[in-house]
Amino acid sequence: MIKLTWLGHSCFRAECATSKIIIDSFAPGSVPGLRDIHEQAQMALCSHEHHDHNYREGVTLTGGESEIDVQSYPSFHDDCQGEKRGPNSIHVLSDGSVRIAHMGDIGCMPSPEVIEALRGVDAMLIPVGGYYTVGPKEAMEIVEATAPRVVIPMHYRSPDFGFDVLGPVEDFLALCGNWRKAEGNSIDITPDTEPGTVVLQYS
């Protein structure tokens, strides 16, 4: 089991019994409406070097070996081979029982090789707000190509947080046949987690 906690924007805490990883922490004040990141973990992963994703200073590294394995796959932050916004790394986390893909600021369909590597992950964290990343339609195309069991949208705006240029999560949910709201900002990903799209609540 890996417990995922949404810290806002594209930042997540992934943890199991003895391990903790922070992914895509954002710099203070970089994302309207969100609290600063102050976390402790064994690893701080960043999908790319933009200030709303690479604030490693917000994570105090505790040392020790993590029982969560991390694999990285190359992709692009735009739809023109990185010419506009550069590269993007997709991180796949596994504890031996579940696999979770954090798509970073993915801007286009990944390569066939990466699609194959992602196929059937237990959970996929994917941006849906558009403008800087894929939008709802493109995100759904990636979901359909990889068939994750659980989809967790990220990198969108709400009335309370996010960049004005991003679309709301509702635009993506309109394309989902099966979605639900979590009671809070965390979800346990296990081999038995109910399939579908899950909207975590920022709190």
Protein backbone atom coordinates (compact mmCIF):
# COMPACT_ATOMS: atom_id res chain seq x y z
CA MET A 1 0.00 0.00 0.00
CA ILE A 2 1.11 3.55 -0.76
CA LYS A 3 -0.72 6.45 0.85
CA LEU A 4 -0.98 9.54 -1.33
CA THR A 5 -1.61 12.98 0.13
CA TRP A 6 -2.24 15.95 -2.16
CA LEU A 7 -0.38 19.07 -0.98
CA GLY A 8 -1.78 21.22 -3.80
CA HIS A 9 -1.00 21.87 -7.47
CA SER A 10 1.12 18.84 -8.54
CA CYS A 11 2.74 18.23 -5.15
CA PHE A 12 2.09 14.90 -3.43
CA ARG A 13 3.40 13.05 -0.43
CA ALA A 14 3.76 9.31 -1.09
CA GLU A 15 4.38 7.12 1.94
CA CYS A 16 4.30 3.60 3.25
CA ALA A 17 5.36 2.05 6.57
CA THR A 18 8.94 3.35 6.71
CA SER A 19 9.32 5.54 3.61
CA LYS A 20 8.19 8.96 2.47
CA ILE A 21 8.68 10.78 -0.86
CA ILE A 22 7.63 14.31 -1.87
CA ILE A 23 6.99 14.98 -5.54
CA ASP A 24 6.94 18.36 -7.31
CA SER A 25 7.00 20.75 -4.34
CA PHE A 26 6.33 24.38 -5.27
CA ALA A 27 8.17 27.51 -4.19
CA PRO A 28 6.57 29.78 -1.58
CA GLY A 29 4.01 32.10 -3.14
CA SER A 30 4.36 30.50 -6.57
CA VAL A 31 0.83 29.06 -6.71
CA PRO A 32 -2.01 31.37 -5.62
CA GLY A 33 -4.07 30.15 -2.69
CA LEU A 34 -1.73 27.35 -1.55
CA ARG A 35 0.24 27.04 1.68
CA ASP A 36 4.04 26.77 1.56
CA ILE A 37 5.59 23.32 1.50
CA HIS A 38 7.45 22.23 4.67
CA GLU A 39 7.96 18.46 4.60
CA GLN A 40 10.36 15.77 5.75
CA ALA A 41 11.08 12.81 3.48
CA GLN A 42 13.76 10.47 2.24
CA MET A 43 13.47 11.78 -1.31
CA ALA A 44 12.34 14.92 -3.12
CA LEU A 45 11.44 14.25 -6.75
CA CYS A 46 10.93 16.97 -9.37
CA SER A 47 9.44 16.38 -12.80
CA HIS A 48 11.13 19.48 -14.27
CA GLU A 49 12.95 22.65 -13.29
CA HIS A 50 10.12 25.20 -13.02
CA HIS A 51 9.65 27.00 -9.71
CA ASP A 52 6.18 25.61 -9.10
CA HIS A 53 7.57 22.04 -9.25
CA ASN A 54 11.21 22.05 -8.10
CA TYR A 55 11.32 23.62 -4.65
CA ARG A 56 13.62 21.07 -3.08
CA GLU A 57 14.32 23.49 -0.22
CA GLY A 58 10.82 22.78 1.07
CA VAL A 59 11.78 19.17 1.83
CA THR A 60 14.14 18.24 4.66
CA LEU A 61 15.83 14.98 3.71
CA THR A 62 15.84 12.45 6.55
CA GLY A 63 18.28 9.96 5.06
CA GLY A 64 17.96 6.20 5.03
CA GLU A 65 16.97 3.83 2.28
CA SER A 66 13.46 4.07 0.87
CA GLU A 67 11.41 0.94 0.34
CA ILE A 68 9.57 2.73 -2.46
CA ASP A 69 11.27 2.09 -5.80
CA VAL A 70 11.32 4.98 -8.29
CA GLN A 71 11.59 4.66 -12.06
CA SER A 72 11.76 7.74 -14.33
CA TYR A 73 10.61 8.00 -17.93
CA PRO A 74 11.28 10.85 -20.39
CA SER A 75 8.53 13.00 -21.89
CA PHE A 76 7.91 16.61 -22.90
CA HIS A 77 6.35 19.64 -21.22
CA ASP A 78 4.74 20.71 -24.51
CA ASP A 79 3.53 19.32 -27.83
CA CYS A 80 6.63 20.37 -29.80
CA GLN A 81 9.34 18.01 -28.51
CA GLY A 82 10.28 20.31 -25.64
CA GLU A 83 11.10 23.33 -27.81
CA LYS A 84 8.67 25.54 -25.89
CA ARG A 85 8.86 24.36 -22.26
CA GLY A 86 11.55 21.68 -22.15
CA PRO A 87 11.63 18.09 -20.92
CA ASN A 88 9.40 16.47 -18.33
CA SER A 89 10.04 13.36 -16.24
CA ILE A 90 7.31 10.86 -15.40
CA HIS A 91 7.99 9.14 -12.08
CA VAL A 92 6.63 5.67 -11.33
CA LEU A 93 6.64 4.64 -7.67
CA SER A 94 6.29 1.05 -6.52
CA ASP A 95 6.35 -0.69 -3.15
CA GLY A 96 6.08 -4.14 -4.71
CA SER A 97 2.30 -4.31 -4.38
CA VAL A 98 1.16 -1.19 -6.30
CA ARG A 99 2.55 1.13 -8.98
CA ILE A 100 1.77 4.86 -9.10
CA ALA A 101 2.62 7.17 -12.01
CA HIS A 102 3.12 10.90 -11.40
CA MET A 103 2.93 12.50 -14.84
CA GLY A 104 4.51 15.83 -13.91
CA ASP A 105 3.71 18.61 -16.39
CA ILE A 106 3.12 16.26 -19.29
CA GLY A 107 2.34 18.25 -22.44
CA CYS A 108 1.67 15.55 -25.02
CA MET A 109 1.10 11.84 -25.49
CA PRO A 110 4.16 9.92 -24.24
CA SER A 111 6.14 7.74 -26.63
CA PRO A 112 4.84 4.21 -27.37
CA GLU A 113 7.60 2.77 -25.19
CA VAL A 114 6.60 4.91 -22.23
CA ILE A 115 2.90 4.20 -22.79
CA GLU A 116 3.71 0.50 -22.57
CA ALA A 117 5.69 1.01 -19.36
CA LEU A 118 2.76 2.89 -17.80
CA ARG A 119 0.05 0.51 -18.91
CA GLY A 120 -2.09 -0.77 -16.08
CA VAL A 121 -0.57 1.25 -13.23
CA ASP A 122 -2.64 1.20 -10.07
CA ALA A 123 -2.92 4.99 -9.97
CA MET A 124 -2.06 7.87 -12.28
CA LEU A 125 -1.64 11.49 -11.12
CA ILE A 126 -2.23 13.58 -14.21
CA PRO A 127 -2.55 17.33 -14.97
CA VAL A 128 -5.89 18.31 -16.47
CA GLY A 129 -5.92 22.13 -16.41
CA GLY A 130 -4.39 22.75 -19.83
CA TYR A 131 -2.40 25.82 -20.98
CA TYR A 132 0.97 24.66 -19.57
CA THR A 133 0.10 20.96 -19.83
CA VAL A 134 -2.34 18.63 -21.51
CA GLY A 135 -5.95 19.67 -21.13
CA PRO A 136 -8.97 17.50 -20.33
CA LYS A 137 -9.24 15.86 -23.76
CA GLU A 138 -5.52 15.08 -24.07
CA ALA A 139 -5.37 13.85 -20.47
CA MET A 140 -8.24 11.49 -21.16
CA GLU A 141 -6.46 10.19 -24.27
CA ILE A 142 -3.42 9.33 -22.11
CA VAL A 143 -5.69 7.63 -19.57
CA GLU A 144 -7.37 5.60 -22.29
CA ALA A 145 -3.99 4.58 -23.74
CA THR A 146 -2.55 3.44 -20.40
CA ALA A 147 -5.65 2.17 -18.56
CA PRO A 148 -4.73 3.05 -14.96
CA ARG A 149 -7.06 1.64 -12.31
CA VAL A 150 -7.34 4.94 -10.40
CA VAL A 151 -6.98 8.44 -11.91
CA ILE A 152 -6.24 11.46 -9.72
CA PRO A 153 -6.44 14.84 -11.48
CA MET A 154 -4.01 17.62 -10.51
CA HIS A 155 -2.64 20.96 -11.79
CA TYR A 156 -5.97 22.74 -12.24
CA ARG A 157 -7.64 25.79 -10.70
CA SER A 158 -10.55 26.16 -8.35
CA PRO A 159 -12.25 29.29 -6.95
CA ASP A 160 -9.77 29.12 -4.06
CA PHE A 161 -6.41 28.22 -5.64
CA GLY A 162 -4.42 27.80 -8.83
CA PHE A 163 -3.33 29.85 -11.84
CA ASP A 164 -6.06 31.82 -13.61
CA VAL A 165 -5.05 30.41 -17.00
CA LEU A 166 -5.76 26.82 -15.93
CA GLY A 167 -9.11 25.15 -16.45
CA PRO A 168 -11.20 23.71 -13.60
CA VAL A 169 -11.25 20.02 -12.76
CA GLU A 170 -14.91 19.87 -13.75
CA ASP A 171 -13.93 20.05 -17.43
CA PHE A 172 -12.03 16.78 -17.03
CA LEU A 173 -14.69 15.16 -14.87
CA ALA A 174 -17.25 15.78 -17.62
CA LEU A 175 -15.30 13.25 -19.70
CA CYS A 176 -15.12 10.66 -16.91
CA GLY A 177 -17.84 8.07 -16.62
CA ASN A 178 -16.94 7.10 -13.06
CA TRP A 179 -15.64 9.64 -10.57
CA ARG A 180 -15.97 10.43 -6.91
CA LYS A 181 -14.75 12.99 -4.37
CA ALA A 182 -12.50 11.84 -1.57
CA GLU A 183 -13.43 12.92 1.93
CA GLY A 184 -10.05 14.60 2.40
CA ASN A 185 -6.71 15.11 0.72
CA SER A 186 -5.44 11.52 1.06
CA ILE A 187 -6.09 8.13 -0.48
CA ASP A 188 -4.62 4.70 0.17
CA ILE A 189 -3.66 2.95 -3.05
CA THR A 190 -3.88 -0.82 -2.56
CA PRO A 191 -4.48 -3.72 -4.95
CA ASP A 192 -8.15 -3.47 -3.89
CA THR A 193 -8.72 0.29 -4.22
CA GLU A 194 -11.98 0.94 -6.07
CA PRO A 195 -11.37 1.86 -9.73
CA GLY A 196 -12.32 5.25 -11.15
CA THR A 197 -11.37 8.92 -11.01
CA VAL A 198 -10.86 10.34 -7.53
CA VAL A 199 -10.81 14.07 -6.77
CA LEU A 200 -8.77 14.78 -3.64
CA GLN A 201 -9.73 17.79 -1.55
CA TYR A 202 -7.14 20.46 -0.79
CA SER A 203 -7.10 20.98 2.96
